[in-house]
Structures are given as C-alpha cells and as structure tokens.
Amino acid sequence: MLKRGQWLCWRRPPWEEPDVPLGFAVLFEDEDLLAAAKPSGLPTMPAGGFLDNTLFTLVRGRYPEATPVHRLGRGTSGIVLFARTARARSRLSMALRNGLVTRTYRALASGIPAHASFSIDVPIGPVPHPRLGTVNAACPGGRHALSRVRVLEHRADSSLVEVTIETGRPHQIRIHLAAAGHPLTGDPLYGAGGGVAARDGLPGDTGYLLHAGSIVFPHPATESGTEIWCSPPPELRSRTDAGSRSR
C-alpha cells in the first residue's frame, strides 16, 4: 500500500510494432494532392497495434500536410489518395460521397465464376465477432453496396478478376466476392456467403491478393477528369498484361 507522500513510477517498455514493408512510391504529386502506392502488409492508418509503421506516418514524414481521403486494408496493395490542402480534402471527400470517384481493383478469387461479368449488391454491415465485438460482413440490414466484377482469366482453381466499386464500404470486395461464392484466395476472415468464416481471423490479417490498380476522379482544383494507375504485383498480372503500361 502506498502512503501519503510516496510516489509510484512505472517505466513503460518501448513500443514494439510488428515488422512490415516500410517503402512506398509516389505515383502522382501536385500542390493539391498526392497518390501513394501502398505495399501489401503496411497498414494505412495507426490502429491494431501499429503506430509508426503505417503509410500515414511514412507519408507525413515527407509531406506533413497530407491527409488520406480513403483507406486500403492492410493486406491490400495499390493507390491511396492524400489531400494536401483543406480545399482538396473537402472536394475529394464530396466526390467520394457523390459517387464521382471510380476505383478499380484486381483480385485473385477462389473457384471459377459462372459468368464472365456480374454485379454484386449484397448489403454490408456489422455482424458479431468473438474477439472484436463486431466486424463488417454481409448483413441483410446493412448499408447498400455495389461491386461490378469482370473475369480476366481462369487459373487452375482460381480466377483473376477486375472489380470496380461504386460504393466504399469497409472490406467491400472481400465481402462481396465471398458472398458470390468466390472468397479471395487465402482470405483469413471471410468465407463463402460473405460472413465470418474464421473465428480467430481479424480484418487486418493478410494472406489474400487484392490490388487497387486505378482511380479516376475530378481534380479538386480544376475539376478535370484525372486518372492514376498503379501496376499490379506479378501474382495479379494476366497473360495479356505483357507490354501494357507501367508506372
């Protein structure tokens, strides 16, 4: 028991974060915005035990004014857009809310879809999770979500697909492809039906292949259509990609 006048001092051990890839590439930069290419495994924002080893912290080290206007899951690679001014942040956020931003991804999905192209509109909302309380998953009472899928090529037991999202729900592509019966190969959380398949799985766990390959949006200063493109990793390239552009 402490007595009046005594002090108790606790020296917290140094914070140790898991090792993750700490490199990023600048795909586009001007006075208003910055587009960074995030590697798979690097969290976008501090959370879940990560403070310094995040894309946000790395970008802020070079661009102190930059603020991300959207996020990618830890296991997802590709384009993250940062606003560098208050005007850009406001206008890009409004463009996202109004459906004026088109984001296209590549993914490796399990199985062979029955159709070459199809849409998925399963609602997404919170469902029970044994460790986190709730996580986002397919949910009848959830929020509207829409993904458009195009099959690029078939592989032995999986399919390379291109997915364009018209809404930006958390983990939308992982959930939607799982709901369609084609979970991402190696997904540690979502299974067929779009629900939580692994009780111990967490949204930030890696193992799947998903890449944000392009984003089209009205530039916050000029309102002109702007496209940024990021080459997919080797595992997500199709046979027809040979000779295509890279950045």
C-alpha atoms as a PDB file:
ATOM      1  CA  MET A   1       0.000   0.000   0.000  1.00  0.00           C
ATOM      2  CA  LEU A   2       1.222   3.465  -0.848  1.00  0.00           C
ATOM      3  CA  LYS A   3       1.357   6.045   1.902  1.00  0.00           C
ATOM      4  CA  ARG A   4       0.772   9.755   1.597  1.00  0.00           C
ATOM      5  CA  GLY A   5       3.810  11.425   0.019  1.00  0.00           C
ATOM      6  CA  GLN A   6       5.106   8.283  -1.678  1.00  0.00           C
ATOM      7  CA  TRP A   7       5.401   8.011  -5.470  1.00  0.00           C
ATOM      8  CA  LEU A   8       4.918   5.030  -7.755  1.00  0.00           C
ATOM      9  CA  CYS A   9       6.790   5.228 -11.054  1.00  0.00           C
ATOM     10  CA  TRP A  10       6.201   2.819 -13.965  1.00  0.00           C
ATOM     11  CA  ARG A  11       8.572   2.938 -16.888  1.00  0.00           C
ATOM     12  CA  ARG A  12       6.707   1.540 -19.853  1.00  0.00           C
ATOM     13  CA  PRO A  13       8.772  -0.770 -22.076  1.00  0.00           C
ATOM     14  CA  PRO A  14       9.484   0.533 -25.595  1.00  0.00           C
ATOM     15  CA  TRP A  15       6.621   0.109 -28.040  1.00  0.00           C
ATOM     16  CA  GLU A  16       7.405  -2.729 -30.417  1.00  0.00           C
ATOM     17  CA  GLU A  17       5.428  -2.940 -33.624  1.00  0.00           C
ATOM     18  CA  PRO A  18       5.338  -5.917 -35.995  1.00  0.00           C
ATOM     19  CA  ASP A  19       7.729  -5.742 -38.918  1.00  0.00           C
ATOM     20  CA  VAL A  20       6.005  -4.636 -42.126  1.00  0.00           C
ATOM     21  CA  PRO A  21       7.146  -3.298 -45.510  1.00  0.00           C
ATOM     22  CA  LEU A  22       8.081   0.350 -45.000  1.00  0.00           C
ATOM     23  CA  GLY A  23       8.507   1.524 -48.578  1.00  0.00           C
ATOM     24  CA  PHE A  24       6.005   3.427 -50.710  1.00  0.00           C
ATOM     25  CA  ALA A  25       6.109   5.018 -54.139  1.00  0.00           C
ATOM     26  CA  VAL A  26       4.760   8.412 -55.170  1.00  0.00           C
ATOM     27  CA  LEU A  27       2.584   7.926 -58.250  1.00  0.00           C
ATOM     28  CA  PHE A  28       1.332  11.489 -58.603  1.00  0.00           C
ATOM     29  CA  GLU A  29       2.035  14.774 -56.851  1.00  0.00           C
ATOM     30  CA  ASP A  30       0.947  18.389 -57.212  1.00  0.00           C
ATOM     31  CA  GLU A  31       0.041  21.258 -54.891  1.00  0.00           C
ATOM     32  CA  ASP A  32      -3.346  19.767 -54.024  1.00  0.00           C
ATOM     33  CA  LEU A  33      -2.907  16.031 -53.769  1.00  0.00           C
ATOM     34  CA  LEU A  34      -0.587  13.076 -53.587  1.00  0.00           C
ATOM     35  CA  ALA A  35      -1.113   9.494 -54.712  1.00  0.00           C
ATOM     36  CA  ALA A  36       0.978   6.862 -52.944  1.00  0.00           C
ATOM     37  CA  ALA A  37       1.418   3.195 -53.820  1.00  0.00           C
ATOM     38  CA  LYS A  38       0.996   1.158 -50.643  1.00  0.00           C
ATOM     39  CA  PRO A  39       2.611  -2.279 -50.384  1.00  0.00           C
ATOM     40  CA  SER A  40       0.633  -5.245 -49.076  1.00  0.00           C
ATOM     41  CA  GLY A  41       1.180  -5.685 -45.350  1.00  0.00           C
ATOM     42  CA  LEU A  42       1.551  -1.993 -44.499  1.00  0.00           C
ATOM     43  CA  PRO A  43      -1.440  -0.523 -42.614  1.00  0.00           C
ATOM     44  CA  THR A  44      -2.852   2.711 -43.997  1.00  0.00           C
ATOM     45  CA  MET A  45      -3.603   4.279 -40.593  1.00  0.00           C
ATOM     46  CA  PRO A  46      -2.480   3.731 -36.974  1.00  0.00           C
ATOM     47  CA  ALA A  47      -4.632   1.012 -35.372  1.00  0.00           C
ATOM     48  CA  GLY A  48      -4.466  -2.560 -34.150  1.00  0.00           C
ATOM     49  CA  GLY A  49      -1.009  -2.285 -32.572  1.00  0.00           C
ATOM     50  CA  PHE A  50       0.510  -0.111 -35.318  1.00  0.00           C
ATOM     51  CA  LEU A  51       1.589   3.467 -34.618  1.00  0.00           C
ATOM     52  CA  ASP A  52       4.688   4.365 -36.635  1.00  0.00           C
ATOM     53  CA  ASN A  53       4.726   1.527 -39.159  1.00  0.00           C
ATOM     54  CA  THR A  54       1.866   2.896 -41.237  1.00  0.00           C
ATOM     55  CA  LEU A  55       1.548   4.577 -44.625  1.00  0.00           C
ATOM     56  CA  PHE A  56       0.075   7.646 -42.904  1.00  0.00           C
ATOM     57  CA  THR A  57       3.179   8.111 -40.737  1.00  0.00           C
ATOM     58  CA  LEU A  58       5.595   7.451 -43.600  1.00  0.00           C
ATOM     59  CA  VAL A  59       3.863   9.913 -45.921  1.00  0.00           C
ATOM     60  CA  ARG A  60       3.561  12.533 -43.180  1.00  0.00           C
ATOM     61  CA  GLY A  61       7.331  12.289 -42.673  1.00  0.00           C
ATOM     62  CA  ARG A  62       7.807  13.756 -46.170  1.00  0.00           C
ATOM     63  CA  TYR A  63       4.518  15.624 -46.598  1.00  0.00           C
ATOM     64  CA  PRO A  64       3.406  16.866 -43.135  1.00  0.00           C
ATOM     65  CA  GLU A  65       0.212  18.388 -44.527  1.00  0.00           C
ATOM     66  CA  ALA A  66      -1.043  15.230 -46.283  1.00  0.00           C
ATOM     67  CA  THR A  67      -4.260  13.528 -45.139  1.00  0.00           C
ATOM     68  CA  PRO A  68      -5.641  10.309 -46.692  1.00  0.00           C
ATOM     69  CA  VAL A  69      -9.123  10.654 -48.185  1.00  0.00           C
ATOM     70  CA  HIS A  70      -9.760   6.889 -48.213  1.00  0.00           C
ATOM     71  CA  ARG A  71      -8.114   3.732 -46.896  1.00  0.00           C
ATOM     72  CA  LEU A  72      -6.959   0.336 -48.043  1.00  0.00           C
ATOM     73  CA  GLY A  73      -6.941  -2.797 -45.910  1.00  0.00           C
ATOM     74  CA  ARG A  74      -3.573  -3.833 -44.562  1.00  0.00           C
ATOM     75  CA  GLY A  75      -3.289  -6.760 -46.976  1.00  0.00           C
ATOM     76  CA  THR A  76      -4.356  -4.680 -49.985  1.00  0.00           C
ATOM     77  CA  SER A  77      -1.742  -3.026 -52.178  1.00  0.00           C
ATOM     78  CA  GLY A  78      -2.109  -0.090 -54.515  1.00  0.00           C
ATOM     79  CA  ILE A  79      -3.255   3.508 -54.682  1.00  0.00           C
ATOM     80  CA  VAL A  80      -4.081   5.639 -51.652  1.00  0.00           C
ATOM     81  CA  LEU A  81      -5.040   9.244 -52.377  1.00  0.00           C
ATOM     82  CA  PHE A  82      -3.904  12.006 -49.987  1.00  0.00           C
ATOM     83  CA  ALA A  83      -5.160  15.595 -49.902  1.00  0.00           C
ATOM     84  CA  ARG A  84      -2.550  18.290 -49.295  1.00  0.00           C
ATOM     85  CA  THR A  85      -4.910  21.230 -48.768  1.00  0.00           C
ATOM     86  CA  ALA A  86      -8.191  21.751 -46.948  1.00  0.00           C
ATOM     87  CA  ARG A  87      -9.892  22.519 -50.278  1.00  0.00           C
ATOM     88  CA  ALA A  88      -8.663  19.287 -51.816  1.00  0.00           C
ATOM     89  CA  ARG A  89      -9.728  17.268 -48.777  1.00  0.00           C
ATOM     90  CA  SER A  90     -13.225  18.743 -48.834  1.00  0.00           C
ATOM     91  CA  ARG A  91     -13.759  18.353 -52.576  1.00  0.00           C
ATOM     92  CA  LEU A  92     -12.339  14.840 -52.797  1.00  0.00           C
ATOM     93  CA  SER A  93     -14.444  13.712 -49.841  1.00  0.00           C
ATOM     94  CA  MET A  94     -17.521  15.174 -51.505  1.00  0.00           C
ATOM     95  CA  ALA A  95     -16.657  13.467 -54.789  1.00  0.00           C
ATOM     96  CA  LEU A  96     -16.425  10.128 -52.964  1.00  0.00           C
ATOM     97  CA  ARG A  97     -19.785  10.664 -51.264  1.00  0.00           C
ATOM     98  CA  ASN A  98     -21.438  11.632 -54.550  1.00  0.00           C
ATOM     99  CA  GLY A  99     -20.140   8.632 -56.474  1.00  0.00           C
ATOM    100  CA  LEU A 100     -17.846  10.685 -58.714  1.00  0.00           C
ATOM    101  CA  VAL A 101     -14.777   8.565 -57.959  1.00  0.00           C
ATOM    102  CA  THR A 102     -14.240   5.268 -59.782  1.00  0.00           C
ATOM    103  CA  ARG A 103     -11.885   2.745 -58.180  1.00  0.00           C
ATOM    104  CA  THR A 104     -10.851  -0.433 -59.943  1.00  0.00           C
ATOM    105  CA  TYR A 105      -9.113  -3.367 -58.266  1.00  0.00           C
ATOM    106  CA  ARG A 106      -7.608  -6.696 -59.181  1.00  0.00           C
ATOM    107  CA  ALA A 107      -8.060  -9.765 -57.036  1.00  0.00           C
ATOM    108  CA  LEU A 108      -7.422 -13.493 -57.046  1.00  0.00           C
ATOM    109  CA  ALA A 109     -10.720 -15.188 -56.250  1.00  0.00           C
ATOM    110  CA  SER A 110     -11.228 -18.860 -55.488  1.00  0.00           C
ATOM    111  CA  GLY A 111     -13.140 -21.005 -57.964  1.00  0.00           C
ATOM    112  CA  ILE A 112     -14.430 -20.260 -61.455  1.00  0.00           C
ATOM    113  CA  PRO A 113     -17.383 -17.833 -61.734  1.00  0.00           C
ATOM    114  CA  ALA A 114     -20.248 -18.948 -63.938  1.00  0.00           C
ATOM    115  CA  HIS A 115     -20.371 -15.621 -65.796  1.00  0.00           C
ATOM    116  CA  ALA A 116     -17.661 -13.503 -67.405  1.00  0.00           C
ATOM    117  CA  SER A 117     -19.071 -10.373 -65.770  1.00  0.00           C
ATOM    118  CA  PHE A 118     -21.596  -9.824 -63.000  1.00  0.00           C
ATOM    119  CA  SER A 119     -22.646  -7.391 -60.289  1.00  0.00           C
ATOM    120  CA  ILE A 120     -22.903  -7.923 -56.525  1.00  0.00           C
ATOM    121  CA  ASP A 121     -25.170  -5.745 -54.388  1.00  0.00           C
ATOM    122  CA  VAL A 122     -25.198  -7.594 -51.054  1.00  0.00           C
ATOM    123  CA  PRO A 123     -25.650  -5.111 -48.158  1.00  0.00           C
ATOM    124  CA  ILE A 124     -22.705  -4.748 -45.762  1.00  0.00           C
ATOM    125  CA  GLY A 125     -22.981  -4.050 -42.061  1.00  0.00           C
ATOM    126  CA  PRO A 126     -21.774  -5.087 -38.591  1.00  0.00           C
ATOM    127  CA  VAL A 127     -22.033  -8.733 -37.525  1.00  0.00           C
ATOM    128  CA  PRO A 128     -20.862 -10.386 -34.277  1.00  0.00           C
ATOM    129  CA  HIS A 129     -17.179 -11.264 -33.906  1.00  0.00           C
ATOM    130  CA  PRO A 130     -15.795 -13.219 -30.911  1.00  0.00           C
ATOM    131  CA  ARG A 131     -12.705 -11.045 -30.469  1.00  0.00           C
ATOM    132  CA  LEU A 132     -13.703  -7.598 -31.713  1.00  0.00           C
ATOM    133  CA  GLY A 133     -17.382  -7.498 -30.817  1.00  0.00           C
ATOM    134  CA  THR A 134     -18.438  -6.736 -34.392  1.00  0.00           C
ATOM    135  CA  VAL A 135     -16.884  -6.653 -37.860  1.00  0.00           C
ATOM    136  CA  ASN A 136     -18.275  -5.679 -41.241  1.00  0.00           C
ATOM    137  CA  ALA A 137     -19.634  -8.547 -43.320  1.00  0.00           C
ATOM    138  CA  ALA A 138     -22.617  -9.474 -45.478  1.00  0.00           C
ATOM    139  CA  CYS A 139     -25.639  -8.341 -43.491  1.00  0.00           C
ATOM    140  CA  PRO A 140     -29.311  -8.166 -44.583  1.00  0.00           C
ATOM    141  CA  GLY A 141     -29.811  -4.986 -42.596  1.00  0.00           C
ATOM    142  CA  GLY A 142     -26.544  -3.408 -43.703  1.00  0.00           C
ATOM    143  CA  ARG A 143     -25.826  -0.484 -45.983  1.00  0.00           C
ATOM    144  CA  HIS A 144     -26.172  -0.590 -49.759  1.00  0.00           C
ATOM    145  CA  ALA A 145     -23.008  -1.689 -51.571  1.00  0.00           C
ATOM    146  CA  LEU A 146     -22.361  -2.341 -55.259  1.00  0.00           C
ATOM    147  CA  SER A 147     -19.417  -4.043 -56.963  1.00  0.00           C
ATOM    148  CA  ARG A 148     -19.044  -4.870 -60.651  1.00  0.00           C
ATOM    149  CA  VAL A 149     -16.852  -7.880 -61.451  1.00  0.00           C
ATOM    150  CA  ARG A 150     -15.161  -8.873 -64.694  1.00  0.00           C
ATOM    151  CA  VAL A 151     -13.223 -12.131 -65.053  1.00  0.00           C
ATOM    152  CA  LEU A 152      -9.838 -11.576 -66.687  1.00  0.00           C
ATOM    153  CA  GLU A 153      -8.575 -15.163 -66.791  1.00  0.00           C
ATOM    154  CA  HIS A 154      -9.109 -18.596 -65.283  1.00  0.00           C
ATOM    155  CA  ARG A 155      -6.387 -20.431 -63.412  1.00  0.00           C
ATOM    156  CA  ALA A 156      -6.196 -23.957 -62.016  1.00  0.00           C
ATOM    157  CA  ASP A 157      -8.571 -23.432 -59.087  1.00  0.00           C
ATOM    158  CA  SER A 158      -8.954 -19.665 -59.017  1.00  0.00           C
ATOM    159  CA  SER A 159      -9.809 -16.675 -61.198  1.00  0.00           C
ATOM    160  CA  LEU A 160      -8.131 -13.348 -61.777  1.00  0.00           C
ATOM    161  CA  VAL A 161     -10.849 -10.715 -61.605  1.00  0.00           C
ATOM    162  CA  GLU A 162     -11.208  -6.987 -62.017  1.00  0.00           C
ATOM    163  CA  VAL A 163     -13.609  -5.289 -59.618  1.00  0.00           C
ATOM    164  CA  THR A 164     -14.976  -1.769 -59.873  1.00  0.00           C
ATOM    165  CA  ILE A 165     -16.670  -0.460 -56.745  1.00  0.00           C
ATOM    166  CA  GLU A 166     -19.356   2.208 -56.799  1.00  0.00           C
ATOM    167  CA  THR A 167     -19.547   2.359 -53.014  1.00  0.00           C
ATOM    168  CA  GLY A 168     -16.737   2.251 -50.489  1.00  0.00           C
ATOM    169  CA  ARG A 169     -17.835   0.006 -47.631  1.00  0.00           C
ATOM    170  CA  PRO A 170     -15.094  -1.480 -45.421  1.00  0.00           C
ATOM    171  CA  HIS A 171     -13.639  -4.665 -46.953  1.00  0.00           C
ATOM    172  CA  GLN A 172     -16.297  -4.463 -49.666  1.00  0.00           C
ATOM    173  CA  ILE A 173     -14.517  -6.501 -52.325  1.00  0.00           C
ATOM    174  CA  ARG A 174     -13.517  -9.268 -49.902  1.00  0.00           C
ATOM    175  CA  ILE A 175     -17.062  -9.490 -48.577  1.00  0.00           C
ATOM    176  CA  HIS A 176     -18.785  -9.267 -51.955  1.00  0.00           C
ATOM    177  CA  LEU A 177     -16.682 -11.895 -53.708  1.00  0.00           C
ATOM    178  CA  ALA A 178     -17.157 -14.191 -50.711  1.00  0.00           C
ATOM    179  CA  ALA A 179     -20.910 -13.529 -50.831  1.00  0.00           C
ATOM    180  CA  ALA A 180     -20.876 -14.534 -54.509  1.00  0.00           C
ATOM    181  CA  GLY A 181     -19.258 -17.848 -53.569  1.00  0.00           C
ATOM    182  CA  HIS A 182     -15.722 -16.867 -54.563  1.00  0.00           C
ATOM    183  CA  PRO A 183     -13.781 -15.699 -51.490  1.00  0.00           C
ATOM    184  CA  LEU A 184     -10.358 -14.229 -52.132  1.00  0.00           C
ATOM    185  CA  THR A 185      -7.775 -16.996 -52.192  1.00  0.00           C
ATOM    186  CA  GLY A 186      -6.109 -17.048 -48.789  1.00  0.00           C
ATOM    187  CA  ASP A 187      -8.580 -14.699 -47.094  1.00  0.00           C
ATOM    188  CA  PRO A 188      -8.175 -15.375 -43.344  1.00  0.00           C
ATOM    189  CA  LEU A 189     -11.575 -13.962 -42.340  1.00  0.00           C
ATOM    190  CA  TYR A 190     -14.356 -14.037 -44.945  1.00  0.00           C
ATOM    191  CA  GLY A 191     -15.795 -17.252 -46.350  1.00  0.00           C
ATOM    192  CA  ALA A 192     -18.487 -18.305 -48.801  1.00  0.00           C
ATOM    193  CA  GLY A 193     -21.645 -16.317 -48.144  1.00  0.00           C
ATOM    194  CA  GLY A 194     -19.759 -13.191 -47.128  1.00  0.00           C
ATOM    195  CA  GLY A 195     -19.798 -13.907 -43.397  1.00  0.00           C
ATOM    196  CA  VAL A 196     -17.054 -14.502 -40.847  1.00  0.00           C
ATOM    197  CA  ALA A 197     -15.618 -17.938 -41.611  1.00  0.00           C
ATOM    198  CA  ALA A 198     -12.667 -17.954 -39.188  1.00  0.00           C
ATOM    199  CA  ARG A 199     -13.476 -17.133 -35.564  1.00  0.00           C
ATOM    200  CA  ASP A 200      -9.888 -16.121 -34.837  1.00  0.00           C
ATOM    201  CA  GLY A 201      -9.435 -14.159 -38.066  1.00  0.00           C
ATOM    202  CA  LEU A 202      -9.125 -10.378 -37.965  1.00  0.00           C
ATOM    203  CA  PRO A 203      -9.842  -7.848 -40.732  1.00  0.00           C
ATOM    204  CA  GLY A 204      -6.206  -6.745 -40.695  1.00  0.00           C
ATOM    205  CA  ASP A 205      -4.805 -10.232 -41.219  1.00  0.00           C
ATOM    206  CA  THR A 206      -3.073 -10.725 -44.547  1.00  0.00           C
ATOM    207  CA  GLY A 207      -2.812 -13.668 -46.941  1.00  0.00           C
ATOM    208  CA  TYR A 208      -5.125 -12.626 -49.775  1.00  0.00           C
ATOM    209  CA  LEU A 209      -4.240 -10.887 -53.069  1.00  0.00           C
ATOM    210  CA  LEU A 210      -6.058  -7.597 -53.712  1.00  0.00           C
ATOM    211  CA  HIS A 211      -4.676  -4.544 -55.501  1.00  0.00           C
ATOM    212  CA  ALA A 212      -6.096  -1.038 -56.037  1.00  0.00           C
ATOM    213  CA  GLY A 213      -4.968  -0.530 -59.612  1.00  0.00           C
ATOM    214  CA  SER A 214      -6.638   2.667 -60.788  1.00  0.00           C
ATOM    215  CA  ILE A 215      -8.640   5.620 -59.565  1.00  0.00           C
ATOM    216  CA  VAL A 216     -10.481   8.204 -61.647  1.00  0.00           C
ATOM    217  CA  PHE A 217     -11.764  11.415 -60.058  1.00  0.00           C
ATOM    218  CA  PRO A 218     -12.379  15.135 -60.718  1.00  0.00           C
ATOM    219  CA  HIS A 219      -9.268  17.079 -59.782  1.00  0.00           C
ATOM    220  CA  PRO A 220     -10.066  19.253 -56.747  1.00  0.00           C
ATOM    221  CA  ALA A 221      -8.549  22.383 -58.325  1.00  0.00           C
ATOM    222  CA  THR A 222      -9.530  22.113 -61.996  1.00  0.00           C
ATOM    223  CA  GLU A 223     -12.428  19.582 -61.853  1.00  0.00           C
ATOM    224  CA  SER A 224     -10.886  17.897 -64.881  1.00  0.00           C
ATOM    225  CA  GLY A 225     -11.014  14.116 -65.038  1.00  0.00           C
ATOM    226  CA  THR A 226      -7.833  12.665 -63.564  1.00  0.00           C
ATOM    227  CA  GLU A 227      -6.719   9.040 -63.692  1.00  0.00           C
ATOM    228  CA  ILE A 228      -3.943   7.475 -61.644  1.00  0.00           C
ATOM    229  CA  TRP A 229      -2.789   3.954 -62.377  1.00  0.00           C
ATOM    230  CA  CYS A 230      -0.575   1.532 -60.450  1.00  0.00           C
ATOM    231  CA  SER A 231       0.856  -1.653 -61.934  1.00  0.00           C
ATOM    232  CA  PRO A 232      -0.362  -4.828 -60.173  1.00  0.00           C
ATOM    233  CA  PRO A 233       2.040  -7.229 -58.456  1.00  0.00           C
ATOM    234  CA  PRO A 234       3.204 -10.222 -60.523  1.00  0.00           C
ATOM    235  CA  GLU A 235       0.636 -12.586 -58.991  1.00  0.00           C
ATOM    236  CA  LEU A 236      -2.194 -10.363 -60.243  1.00  0.00           C
ATOM    237  CA  ARG A 237      -0.970  -9.827 -63.783  1.00  0.00           C
ATOM    238  CA  SER A 238      -2.738 -11.504 -66.643  1.00  0.00           C
ATOM    239  CA  ARG A 239      -1.210 -13.004 -69.747  1.00  0.00           C
ATOM    240  CA  THR A 240      -2.466 -10.009 -71.750  1.00  0.00           C
ATOM    241  CA  ASP A 241      -0.649  -7.513 -69.488  1.00  0.00           C
ATOM    242  CA  ALA A 242       2.664  -8.075 -71.261  1.00  0.00           C
ATOM    243  CA  GLY A 243       3.630  -4.862 -72.966  1.00  0.00           C
ATOM    244  CA  SER A 244       0.998  -2.799 -71.171  1.00  0.00           C
ATOM    245  CA  ARG A 245       1.861   0.445 -69.426  1.00  0.00           C
ATOM    246  CA  SER A 246       3.527   0.501 -66.043  1.00  0.00           C
ATOM    247  CA  ARG A 247       4.254   3.164 -63.512  1.00  0.00           C
END
